[in-house]
């Protein structure tokens, strides 16, 4: 049980404030660093960057964002089986801070990449488990827990909004590494706050979710073996024993994730002992898995190709001030805060009239939002191809339509996935959602790498291709939605 006696945070357990600010500062750190990453990687060495070509830089970005979602799976397992969610959040925050400060202090590229790996491990520990702690504050469940998650979600978006604003401004004024330092300071503030107010969490997440007296020696052994293998894999390229190309690693990663998903779906369909209705629901899950991956492959251009477009081709001068390119990364968060209640009201109103769109229709609408965003980029790229800088409002419109797409797809995505599999596979189904998001991030990096800074004339056509890619996928999903809805067997 949690300590829910104090209700000083908007009528909710005081522990919710602890988690609100912990996650706010973690998202400040994550999105602040994310807004700088590709720009730093491609910037000239003389100006403090690494001087990489666009294809390599966007591959690294895709690998980084994909890995963050993959490691959330073992991060959740470690908390559930071994150390409890509170320690996982604490250790994860420490790793994020250390990794971010490592980016600030790194003397060379190898140490910079090591800092990224440390951040990935930290996010994998903190991100899934801070959400689990929110749930633990409300053992009664129900609408009060939903309201608590709504407040918590606001903390996520506040952090995602202010992170790029501060880190990008500092990076523009004082250099890249100062921006990375700010990301580390943000997470450090979140840690200090977490430690200072941790007592308000009570017993929530103190212990792992195993029976008292359970023998955990085998789980600890597996963890140490896995950690040792990971250490060896990381050490090989750093020691020069194995040469690793980010572009090749990205391609292998896409095949590995698709292969993992295919094997898991094959297991569910043929070897998990499911009945006919359950198998049909798995078929629906397969369709939604790929629709989800397609959406994120477009949406996650935000930190790569769209960030580079803002830096290189957008008119960002307002009076005597040049708007940092990274500031555009804050648009999605503020649009979420503004429009999430609007979309929620729309769905509720439609449901009252029995007109609420089915899950596959909402996924298709999400793909349309993503596609229209790239239609805006096509129009902006035509201006650039004519030799002029694009107006900033094109990027604003792009992020607006992408946010509309996200609000159609993302809120129902994970919920639907957990409902489409039998209860005994719910935990694994969350892993499938993370796999879809991870696949989308890897593909996003690959798409971004196809843009050539030396061939601006090709850019309008490339953005138009992404538009048609999203629209065709949406139309296909619309056409098959009656079948998918029937496969879902009443799941809403």
Protein backbone atom coordinates (compact mmCIF):
# COMPACT_ATOMS: atom_id res chain seq x y z
CA UNK A 1 0.00 0.00 0.00
CA UNK A 2 1.09 3.57 -0.59
CA UNK A 3 0.93 6.49 1.76
CA UNK A 4 -2.08 8.31 0.40
CA UNK A 5 -3.03 10.15 3.57
CA UNK A 6 -1.78 13.50 2.29
CA UNK A 7 -3.90 15.05 -0.44
CA UNK A 8 -2.10 18.33 -0.95
CA UNK A 9 -1.38 17.96 -4.67
CA UNK A 10 -4.59 18.87 -6.49
CA UNK A 11 -6.51 16.58 -4.14
CA UNK A 12 -4.24 13.62 -4.87
CA UNK A 13 -1.62 11.76 -2.80
CA UNK A 14 1.36 13.98 -2.04
CA UNK A 15 3.55 11.32 -3.65
CA UNK A 16 2.09 12.29 -7.02
CA UNK A 17 3.93 15.62 -6.75
CA UNK A 18 7.18 13.72 -6.20
CA UNK A 19 6.64 11.71 -9.36
CA UNK A 20 5.28 14.70 -11.31
CA UNK A 21 8.47 16.70 -10.80
CA UNK A 22 10.77 13.70 -11.19
CA UNK A 23 9.31 12.93 -14.59
CA UNK A 24 9.12 16.59 -15.53
CA UNK A 25 12.87 17.00 -15.00
CA UNK A 26 13.63 13.67 -16.70
CA UNK A 27 11.69 14.77 -19.78
CA UNK A 28 13.39 18.19 -19.56
CA UNK A 29 16.71 16.35 -19.75
CA UNK A 30 15.67 13.88 -22.44
CA UNK A 31 14.00 16.32 -24.84
CA UNK A 32 16.56 19.01 -24.15
CA UNK A 33 19.40 16.70 -25.14
CA UNK A 34 17.37 15.26 -28.03
CA UNK A 35 16.89 18.74 -29.50
CA UNK A 36 20.68 19.13 -29.72
CA UNK A 37 21.86 15.67 -30.71
CA UNK A 38 21.66 15.64 -34.52
CA UNK A 39 22.68 19.30 -34.81
CA UNK A 40 25.77 18.62 -32.68
CA UNK A 41 26.67 15.48 -34.63
CA UNK A 42 26.62 17.26 -38.01
CA UNK A 43 28.18 20.54 -36.86
CA UNK A 44 31.77 21.22 -37.90
CA UNK A 45 34.54 20.11 -35.56
CA UNK A 46 35.89 23.66 -35.57
CA UNK A 47 32.60 24.83 -34.02
CA UNK A 48 32.51 22.10 -31.39
CA UNK A 49 30.54 19.42 -33.22
CA UNK A 50 31.59 15.99 -34.46
CA UNK A 51 31.47 16.86 -38.17
CA UNK A 52 29.55 13.74 -39.26
CA UNK A 53 27.61 13.46 -42.49
CA UNK A 54 23.81 13.56 -42.31
CA UNK A 55 23.31 9.85 -42.99
CA UNK A 56 25.60 8.79 -40.15
CA UNK A 57 24.25 11.40 -37.74
CA UNK A 58 20.60 10.49 -38.34
CA UNK A 59 21.46 6.79 -38.03
CA UNK A 60 22.96 7.48 -34.60
CA UNK A 61 19.89 9.50 -33.66
CA UNK A 62 17.60 6.65 -34.77
CA UNK A 63 19.63 4.07 -32.85
CA UNK A 64 19.57 6.23 -29.73
CA UNK A 65 15.81 6.88 -29.73
CA UNK A 66 15.04 3.26 -30.62
CA UNK A 67 17.29 1.90 -27.87
CA UNK A 68 15.53 4.02 -25.24
CA UNK A 69 12.31 2.09 -25.84
CA UNK A 70 13.96 -1.32 -26.08
CA UNK A 71 15.77 -1.01 -22.73
CA UNK A 72 12.49 -0.06 -21.03
CA UNK A 73 11.65 -3.78 -21.18
CA UNK A 74 14.57 -5.05 -19.06
CA UNK A 75 14.23 -1.87 -16.96
CA UNK A 76 10.72 -2.85 -15.98
CA UNK A 77 11.79 -6.45 -15.34
CA UNK A 78 14.62 -5.35 -13.03
CA UNK A 79 12.22 -3.28 -10.95
CA UNK A 80 9.47 -5.93 -10.88
CA UNK A 81 11.75 -8.84 -10.04
CA UNK A 82 14.75 -7.45 -8.21
CA UNK A 83 14.94 -3.95 -6.77
CA UNK A 84 11.51 -2.31 -6.79
CA UNK A 85 10.38 0.74 -8.73
CA UNK A 86 11.68 3.36 -6.29
CA UNK A 87 15.29 2.18 -6.53
CA UNK A 88 14.95 1.77 -10.30
CA UNK A 89 13.86 5.41 -10.64
CA UNK A 90 16.69 6.57 -8.37
CA UNK A 91 19.40 4.57 -10.13
CA UNK A 92 18.00 5.51 -13.54
CA UNK A 93 18.12 9.20 -12.68
CA UNK A 94 21.71 8.88 -11.50
CA UNK A 95 22.72 7.23 -14.77
CA UNK A 96 20.93 9.89 -16.85
CA UNK A 97 22.72 12.65 -14.93
CA UNK A 98 26.09 10.95 -15.26
CA UNK A 99 25.57 10.33 -18.97
CA UNK A 100 24.48 13.92 -19.61
CA UNK A 101 27.44 15.32 -17.71
CA UNK A 102 29.57 12.88 -19.70
CA UNK A 103 28.35 14.51 -22.92
CA UNK A 104 29.42 17.84 -21.47
CA UNK A 105 32.88 16.67 -20.41
CA UNK A 106 33.61 14.09 -23.13
CA UNK A 107 37.01 14.81 -24.72
CA UNK A 108 36.35 12.76 -27.86
CA UNK A 109 33.66 11.04 -29.90
CA UNK A 110 34.10 7.66 -28.20
CA UNK A 111 33.41 9.13 -24.78
CA UNK A 112 30.43 11.02 -26.17
CA UNK A 113 28.91 7.76 -27.44
CA UNK A 114 29.59 6.15 -24.07
CA UNK A 115 27.64 8.98 -22.46
CA UNK A 116 24.72 8.25 -24.79
CA UNK A 117 24.77 4.59 -23.79
CA UNK A 118 24.70 5.52 -20.09
CA UNK A 119 21.71 7.81 -20.71
CA UNK A 120 19.91 5.00 -22.58
CA UNK A 121 20.37 2.65 -19.63
CA UNK A 122 19.18 5.32 -17.22
CA UNK A 123 16.02 6.10 -19.19
CA UNK A 124 15.32 2.37 -19.44
CA UNK A 125 15.33 2.12 -15.65
CA UNK A 126 13.47 5.34 -14.86
CA UNK A 127 10.87 5.79 -17.59
CA UNK A 128 8.69 2.66 -17.19
CA UNK A 129 8.97 2.54 -13.43
CA UNK A 130 8.06 6.11 -12.59
CA UNK A 131 4.74 5.45 -14.37
CA UNK A 132 4.36 2.20 -12.42
CA UNK A 133 4.79 4.19 -9.20
CA UNK A 134 1.93 6.49 -10.20
CA UNK A 135 -0.31 3.43 -10.54
CA UNK A 136 0.87 2.12 -7.16
CA UNK A 137 -0.32 5.33 -5.47
CA UNK A 138 -3.89 4.34 -6.38
CA UNK A 139 -4.37 0.71 -5.31
CA UNK A 140 -8.13 1.25 -5.61
CA UNK A 141 -7.80 2.01 -9.33
CA UNK A 142 -10.77 3.65 -11.00
CA UNK A 143 -11.30 7.20 -12.17
CA UNK A 144 -9.09 8.74 -9.48
CA UNK A 145 -6.09 6.87 -10.88
CA UNK A 146 -6.97 8.09 -14.39
CA UNK A 147 -7.10 11.65 -13.05
CA UNK A 148 -3.73 11.13 -11.37
CA UNK A 149 -2.19 9.97 -14.64
CA UNK A 150 -3.67 13.02 -16.39
CA UNK A 151 -1.87 15.33 -13.94
CA UNK A 152 1.31 13.25 -14.31
CA UNK A 153 1.02 13.53 -18.10
CA UNK A 154 1.03 17.30 -17.74
CA UNK A 155 4.40 17.03 -15.98
CA UNK A 156 5.76 15.07 -18.93
CA UNK A 157 4.73 17.77 -21.37
CA UNK A 158 5.92 20.67 -19.23
CA UNK A 159 9.37 19.08 -19.13
CA UNK A 160 9.28 18.34 -22.86
CA UNK A 161 8.30 21.96 -23.51
CA UNK A 162 10.91 23.79 -21.42
CA UNK A 163 13.81 21.37 -22.04
CA UNK A 164 14.50 22.31 -25.67
CA UNK A 165 13.89 26.00 -24.94
CA UNK A 166 16.62 26.18 -22.31
CA UNK A 167 19.17 23.72 -23.70
CA UNK A 168 18.93 25.01 -27.28
CA UNK A 169 19.30 28.64 -26.18
CA UNK A 170 22.33 27.79 -24.03
CA UNK A 171 23.85 25.75 -26.85
CA UNK A 172 23.38 28.61 -29.32
CA UNK A 173 24.82 31.22 -26.94
CA UNK A 174 27.57 29.27 -25.16
CA UNK A 175 28.20 26.11 -27.20
CA UNK A 176 26.85 22.59 -27.53
CA UNK A 177 28.38 21.18 -24.40
CA UNK A 178 26.80 23.80 -22.19
CA UNK A 179 23.44 22.67 -23.57
CA UNK A 180 24.25 19.08 -22.68
CA UNK A 181 25.35 20.22 -19.22
CA UNK A 182 21.94 21.87 -18.73
CA UNK A 183 20.25 18.56 -19.52
CA UNK A 184 22.34 16.91 -16.81
CA UNK A 185 21.55 19.68 -14.32
CA UNK A 186 17.84 19.22 -15.02
CA UNK A 187 17.96 15.52 -14.19
CA UNK A 188 20.08 16.27 -11.11
CA UNK A 189 17.38 18.66 -9.89
CA UNK A 190 14.82 15.94 -10.42
CA UNK A 191 16.94 13.54 -8.36
CA UNK A 192 17.35 16.01 -5.50
CA UNK A 193 13.61 16.59 -5.48
CA UNK A 194 12.94 12.83 -5.57
CA UNK A 195 15.22 12.13 -2.62
CA UNK A 196 13.88 15.07 -0.61
CA UNK A 197 10.22 14.03 -1.00
CA UNK A 198 10.55 10.28 -1.46
CA UNK A 199 8.90 9.59 1.89
CA UNK A 200 5.56 10.69 0.44
CA UNK A 201 5.56 7.60 -1.76
CA UNK A 202 5.16 5.44 1.31
CA UNK A 203 5.55 1.77 0.49
CA UNK A 204 4.75 2.19 -3.22
CA UNK A 205 7.48 0.52 -5.25
CA UNK A 206 9.74 -0.17 -2.28
CA UNK A 207 9.74 -3.90 -2.91
CA UNK A 208 9.78 -5.87 -6.16
CA UNK A 209 6.52 -7.52 -7.20
CA UNK A 210 7.47 -10.98 -5.93
CA UNK A 211 6.33 -12.90 -2.90
CA UNK A 212 8.34 -12.41 0.29
CA UNK A 213 10.94 -15.16 0.57
CA UNK A 214 11.13 -15.81 -3.18
CA UNK A 215 14.54 -17.05 -4.24
CA UNK A 216 15.92 -14.34 -6.52
CA UNK A 217 19.39 -15.79 -6.99
CA UNK A 218 18.55 -17.04 -10.47
CA UNK A 219 17.17 -13.65 -11.51
CA UNK A 220 20.25 -11.86 -10.18
CA UNK A 221 22.48 -14.34 -12.01
CA UNK A 222 20.64 -13.68 -15.25
CA UNK A 223 21.01 -9.94 -14.71
CA UNK A 224 24.76 -10.16 -14.13
CA UNK A 225 25.24 -12.45 -17.13
CA UNK A 226 23.24 -10.10 -19.32
CA UNK A 227 25.14 -7.08 -17.98
CA UNK A 228 28.46 -8.79 -18.66
CA UNK A 229 27.45 -9.62 -22.23
CA UNK A 230 26.30 -6.05 -22.76
CA UNK A 231 29.58 -4.76 -21.34
CA UNK A 232 31.55 -6.93 -23.74
CA UNK A 233 29.47 -5.81 -26.73
CA UNK A 234 29.98 -2.16 -25.78
CA UNK A 235 33.69 -2.61 -25.11
CA UNK A 236 34.53 -4.29 -28.43
CA UNK A 237 34.05 -1.21 -30.65
CA UNK A 238 35.47 1.17 -28.03
CA UNK A 239 38.66 -0.89 -27.88
CA UNK A 240 38.89 -1.00 -31.66
CA UNK A 241 38.47 -4.78 -31.77
CA UNK A 242 35.29 -4.56 -33.85
CA UNK A 243 34.49 -1.81 -36.33
CA UNK A 244 30.88 -0.66 -36.09
CA UNK A 245 29.11 1.45 -38.69
CA UNK A 246 26.03 3.24 -37.33
CA UNK A 247 24.38 2.96 -40.75
CA UNK A 248 24.90 -0.81 -40.89
CA UNK A 249 23.87 -1.17 -37.25
CA UNK A 250 20.68 0.72 -38.01
CA UNK A 251 19.85 -1.62 -40.91
CA UNK A 252 20.56 -4.71 -38.79
CA UNK A 253 18.45 -3.25 -35.99
CA UNK A 254 15.44 -2.91 -38.27
CA UNK A 255 15.72 -6.55 -39.36
CA UNK A 256 16.24 -7.71 -35.77
CA UNK A 257 13.15 -5.90 -34.47
CA UNK A 258 10.97 -7.09 -37.35
CA UNK A 259 12.29 -10.61 -36.77
CA UNK A 260 11.57 -10.43 -33.03
CA UNK A 261 8.03 -9.26 -33.71
CA UNK A 262 7.46 -11.94 -36.36
CA UNK A 263 8.67 -14.70 -34.04
CA UNK A 264 6.49 -13.45 -31.18
CA UNK A 265 3.39 -13.18 -33.35
CA UNK A 266 4.06 -16.66 -34.76
CA UNK A 267 4.34 -17.97 -31.21
CA UNK A 268 1.01 -16.40 -30.24
CA UNK A 269 -0.76 -17.66 -33.35
CA UNK A 270 0.50 -21.24 -33.44
CA UNK A 271 2.08 -22.27 -30.14
CA UNK A 272 0.42 -20.33 -27.30
CA UNK A 273 -2.74 -22.45 -27.16
CA UNK A 274 -5.08 -19.60 -28.11
CA UNK A 275 -8.63 -20.20 -29.25
CA UNK A 276 -10.09 -18.90 -32.51
CA UNK A 277 -11.26 -15.55 -31.12
CA UNK A 278 -7.90 -14.92 -29.45
CA UNK A 279 -6.02 -15.72 -32.67
CA UNK A 280 -8.15 -13.23 -34.58
CA UNK A 281 -7.32 -10.58 -32.01
CA UNK A 282 -3.63 -11.31 -32.56
CA UNK A 283 -4.18 -10.70 -36.28
CA UNK A 284 -5.69 -7.31 -35.39
CA UNK A 285 -2.68 -6.63 -33.17
CA UNK A 286 -0.32 -7.34 -36.09
CA UNK A 287 -2.09 -4.73 -38.23
CA UNK A 288 -1.95 -2.14 -35.44
CA UNK A 289 1.71 -2.96 -34.75
CA UNK A 290 2.77 -2.02 -38.28
CA UNK A 291 0.45 1.00 -38.40
CA UNK A 292 2.04 2.21 -35.18
CA UNK A 293 5.57 1.71 -36.54
CA UNK A 294 4.64 3.58 -39.74
CA UNK A 295 3.30 6.51 -37.77
CA UNK A 296 6.38 6.87 -35.55
CA UNK A 297 8.70 6.56 -38.55
CA UNK A 298 7.22 9.83 -39.78
CA UNK A 299 6.57 11.52 -36.46
CA UNK A 300 10.13 10.96 -35.22
CA UNK A 301 11.57 13.00 -38.07
CA UNK A 302 11.15 15.77 -35.49
CA UNK A 303 14.57 15.42 -33.94
CA UNK A 304 16.38 14.53 -37.16
CA UNK A 305 15.37 15.78 -40.63
CA UNK A 306 12.96 18.43 -39.33
CA UNK A 307 15.52 19.67 -36.82
CA UNK A 308 18.10 19.96 -39.60
CA UNK A 309 15.53 21.76 -41.77
CA UNK A 310 14.95 24.27 -38.98
CA UNK A 311 18.69 24.84 -38.59
CA UNK A 312 19.60 25.13 -42.27
CA UNK A 313 16.62 26.30 -44.27
CA UNK A 314 14.19 28.15 -41.98
CA UNK A 315 14.02 31.90 -41.45
CA UNK A 316 14.46 32.07 -37.67
CA UNK A 317 15.37 35.74 -37.30
CA UNK A 318 12.98 37.84 -35.18
CA UNK A 319 14.29 41.38 -34.94
CA UNK A 320 17.83 41.12 -33.61
CA UNK A 321 17.26 37.62 -32.19
CA UNK A 322 17.83 34.32 -33.98
CA UNK A 323 15.45 31.66 -32.70
CA UNK A 324 17.42 28.48 -31.85
CA UNK A 325 16.48 25.60 -34.14
CA UNK A 326 15.89 23.38 -31.11
CA UNK A 327 13.02 25.57 -29.94
CA UNK A 328 10.77 24.02 -32.57
CA UNK A 329 11.10 20.76 -30.62
CA UNK A 330 8.93 22.32 -27.89
CA UNK A 331 5.94 22.79 -30.19
CA UNK A 332 4.61 19.24 -29.89
CA UNK A 333 4.50 19.42 -26.09
CA UNK A 334 2.61 22.72 -25.96
CA UNK A 335 0.21 21.55 -28.67
CA UNK A 336 -0.46 18.40 -26.62
CA UNK A 337 -1.32 20.50 -23.57
CA UNK A 338 -3.64 22.72 -25.62
CA UNK A 339 -5.40 20.13 -27.76
CA UNK A 340 -5.51 16.95 -25.63
CA UNK A 341 -8.64 18.17 -23.78
CA UNK A 342 -10.19 19.13 -27.12
CA UNK A 343 -9.66 15.67 -28.62
CA UNK A 344 -10.85 14.02 -25.41
CA UNK A 345 -14.06 16.04 -25.56
CA UNK A 346 -14.53 15.14 -29.23
CA UNK A 347 -14.23 11.40 -28.54
CA UNK A 348 -16.61 11.63 -25.57
CA UNK A 349 -19.15 13.57 -27.59
CA UNK A 350 -18.96 11.10 -30.48
CA UNK A 351 -19.29 8.16 -28.09
CA UNK A 352 -22.51 9.62 -26.68
CA UNK A 353 -23.91 9.52 -30.20
CA UNK A 354 -22.51 6.02 -30.85
CA UNK A 355 -20.18 7.56 -33.45
CA UNK A 356 -16.87 7.00 -31.67
CA UNK A 357 -14.38 5.78 -34.33
CA UNK A 358 -13.00 2.28 -33.92
CA UNK A 359 -9.36 1.77 -32.98
CA UNK A 360 -8.16 1.06 -36.57
CA UNK A 361 -9.99 4.20 -37.77
CA UNK A 362 -8.24 6.28 -35.10
CA UNK A 363 -4.91 4.78 -36.19
CA UNK A 364 -5.75 5.73 -39.80
CA UNK A 365 -6.58 9.27 -38.69
CA UNK A 366 -3.23 9.39 -36.92
CA UNK A 367 -1.47 8.44 -40.15
CA UNK A 368 -3.40 11.13 -42.02
CA UNK A 369 -2.28 13.75 -39.49
CA UNK A 370 1.31 12.63 -39.94
CA UNK A 371 0.96 12.73 -43.73
CA UNK A 372 -0.56 16.23 -43.82
CA UNK A 373 2.33 17.44 -41.73
CA UNK A 374 4.70 16.33 -44.47
CA UNK A 375 2.52 18.03 -47.08
CA UNK A 376 3.35 21.24 -45.19
CA UNK A 377 7.04 20.28 -45.43
CA UNK A 378 6.67 19.69 -49.18
CA UNK A 379 5.39 23.24 -49.57
CA UNK A 380 8.17 24.59 -47.36
CA UNK A 381 10.83 22.63 -49.29
CA UNK A 382 9.58 24.11 -52.58
CA UNK A 383 10.41 27.55 -51.20
CA UNK A 384 13.88 26.36 -50.22
CA UNK A 385 14.43 24.73 -53.62
CA UNK A 386 13.73 28.14 -55.16
CA UNK A 387 16.64 29.55 -53.17
CA UNK A 388 14.73 31.25 -50.34
CA UNK A 389 14.52 30.44 -46.63
CA UNK A 390 11.23 28.88 -45.55
CA UNK A 391 8.96 30.75 -43.18
CA UNK A 392 8.85 29.35 -39.65
CA UNK A 393 5.10 28.81 -39.79
CA UNK A 394 5.58 25.81 -42.11
CA UNK A 395 7.33 23.92 -39.31
CA UNK A 396 4.71 25.12 -36.82
CA UNK A 397 1.96 23.71 -39.04
CA UNK A 398 3.89 20.46 -39.50
CA UNK A 399 4.20 19.92 -35.76
CA UNK A 400 0.56 20.89 -35.28
CA UNK A 401 -0.71 18.24 -37.70
CA UNK A 402 1.72 15.68 -36.30
CA UNK A 403 0.33 16.40 -32.83
CA UNK A 404 -3.22 15.90 -34.12
CA UNK A 405 -2.08 12.55 -35.48
CA UNK A 406 -0.47 11.62 -32.20
CA UNK A 407 -3.64 12.48 -30.26
CA UNK A 408 -5.63 10.16 -32.53
CA UNK A 409 -3.24 7.23 -32.33
CA UNK A 410 -1.07 7.28 -29.23
CA UNK A 411 -3.63 7.45 -26.37
CA UNK A 412 -5.53 4.40 -27.65
CA UNK A 413 -2.48 2.49 -28.88
CA UNK A 414 -1.05 0.93 -25.74
CA UNK A 415 -4.50 0.48 -24.21
CA UNK A 416 -5.71 -1.46 -27.26
CA UNK A 417 -2.61 -3.61 -27.37
CA UNK A 418 -3.08 -4.69 -23.74
CA UNK A 419 -6.71 -5.61 -24.44
CA UNK A 420 -6.08 -7.64 -27.58
CA UNK A 421 -4.05 -10.40 -25.95
CA UNK A 422 -5.11 -12.81 -23.19
CA UNK A 423 -4.46 -11.52 -19.68
CA UNK A 424 -1.49 -13.84 -19.18
CA UNK A 425 0.33 -12.07 -22.05
CA UNK A 426 -0.45 -8.46 -21.08
CA UNK A 427 3.08 -7.71 -19.85
CA UNK A 428 4.53 -9.06 -23.08
CA UNK A 429 2.06 -7.02 -25.12
CA UNK A 430 3.49 -3.83 -23.62
CA UNK A 431 6.83 -5.02 -24.92
CA UNK A 432 5.28 -5.36 -28.38
CA UNK A 433 4.14 -1.72 -28.22
CA UNK A 434 7.67 -0.65 -27.31
CA UNK A 435 9.01 -2.76 -30.20
CA UNK A 436 6.69 -0.95 -32.63
CA UNK A 437 7.80 2.46 -31.36
CA UNK A 438 11.44 1.37 -31.47
CA UNK A 439 11.06 0.12 -35.05
CA UNK A 440 9.46 3.41 -36.04
CA UNK A 441 12.39 5.34 -34.55
CA UNK A 442 14.94 3.25 -36.44
CA UNK A 443 13.08 3.68 -39.73
CA UNK A 444 12.78 7.41 -38.99
CA UNK A 445 16.55 7.67 -38.75
CA UNK A 446 16.93 5.82 -42.03
CA UNK A 447 14.44 8.08 -43.82
CA UNK A 448 16.14 11.19 -42.45
CA UNK A 449 19.48 9.93 -43.75
CA UNK A 450 18.16 10.00 -47.31
CA UNK A 451 17.97 13.81 -47.30
CA UNK A 452 21.06 15.28 -48.94
CA UNK A 453 22.13 18.78 -47.91
CA UNK A 454 23.92 19.12 -51.26
CA UNK A 455 20.79 18.27 -53.28
CA UNK A 456 18.14 20.69 -52.05
CA UNK A 457 16.18 20.37 -55.29
CA UNK A 458 15.31 16.75 -54.39
CA UNK A 459 13.89 17.70 -50.99
CA UNK A 460 10.31 18.62 -52.06
CA UNK A 461 9.90 15.26 -53.77
CA UNK A 462 11.22 13.41 -50.75
CA UNK A 463 8.77 15.09 -48.39
CA UNK A 464 5.97 14.47 -50.89
CA UNK A 465 6.92 10.77 -50.95
CA UNK A 466 6.49 10.62 -47.16
CA UNK A 467 3.09 12.33 -47.53
CA UNK A 468 1.89 9.73 -50.04
CA UNK A 469 3.42 6.95 -47.94
CA UNK A 470 1.31 8.03 -44.96
CA UNK A 471 -1.84 8.65 -46.97
CA UNK A 472 -1.71 5.31 -48.78
CA UNK A 473 -1.15 3.51 -45.47
CA UNK A 474 -4.13 5.39 -43.98
CA UNK A 475 -6.39 4.51 -46.92
CA UNK A 476 -5.42 0.85 -46.70
CA UNK A 477 -6.14 0.89 -42.97
CA UNK A 478 -9.52 2.54 -43.60
CA UNK A 479 -10.39 -0.16 -46.14
CA UNK A 480 -9.44 -3.05 -43.86
CA UNK A 481 -10.82 -1.44 -40.69
CA UNK A 482 -14.15 -3.37 -40.81
CA UNK A 483 -12.19 -6.63 -40.96
CA UNK A 484 -9.78 -5.55 -38.23
CA UNK A 485 -12.68 -4.43 -36.05
CA UNK A 486 -14.30 -7.84 -36.52
CA UNK A 487 -11.00 -9.53 -35.61
CA UNK A 488 -10.90 -7.47 -32.42
CA UNK A 489 -13.92 -9.40 -31.23
CA UNK A 490 -15.64 -6.63 -29.33
CA UNK A 491 -12.50 -5.06 -27.85
CA UNK A 492 -12.75 -1.27 -27.83
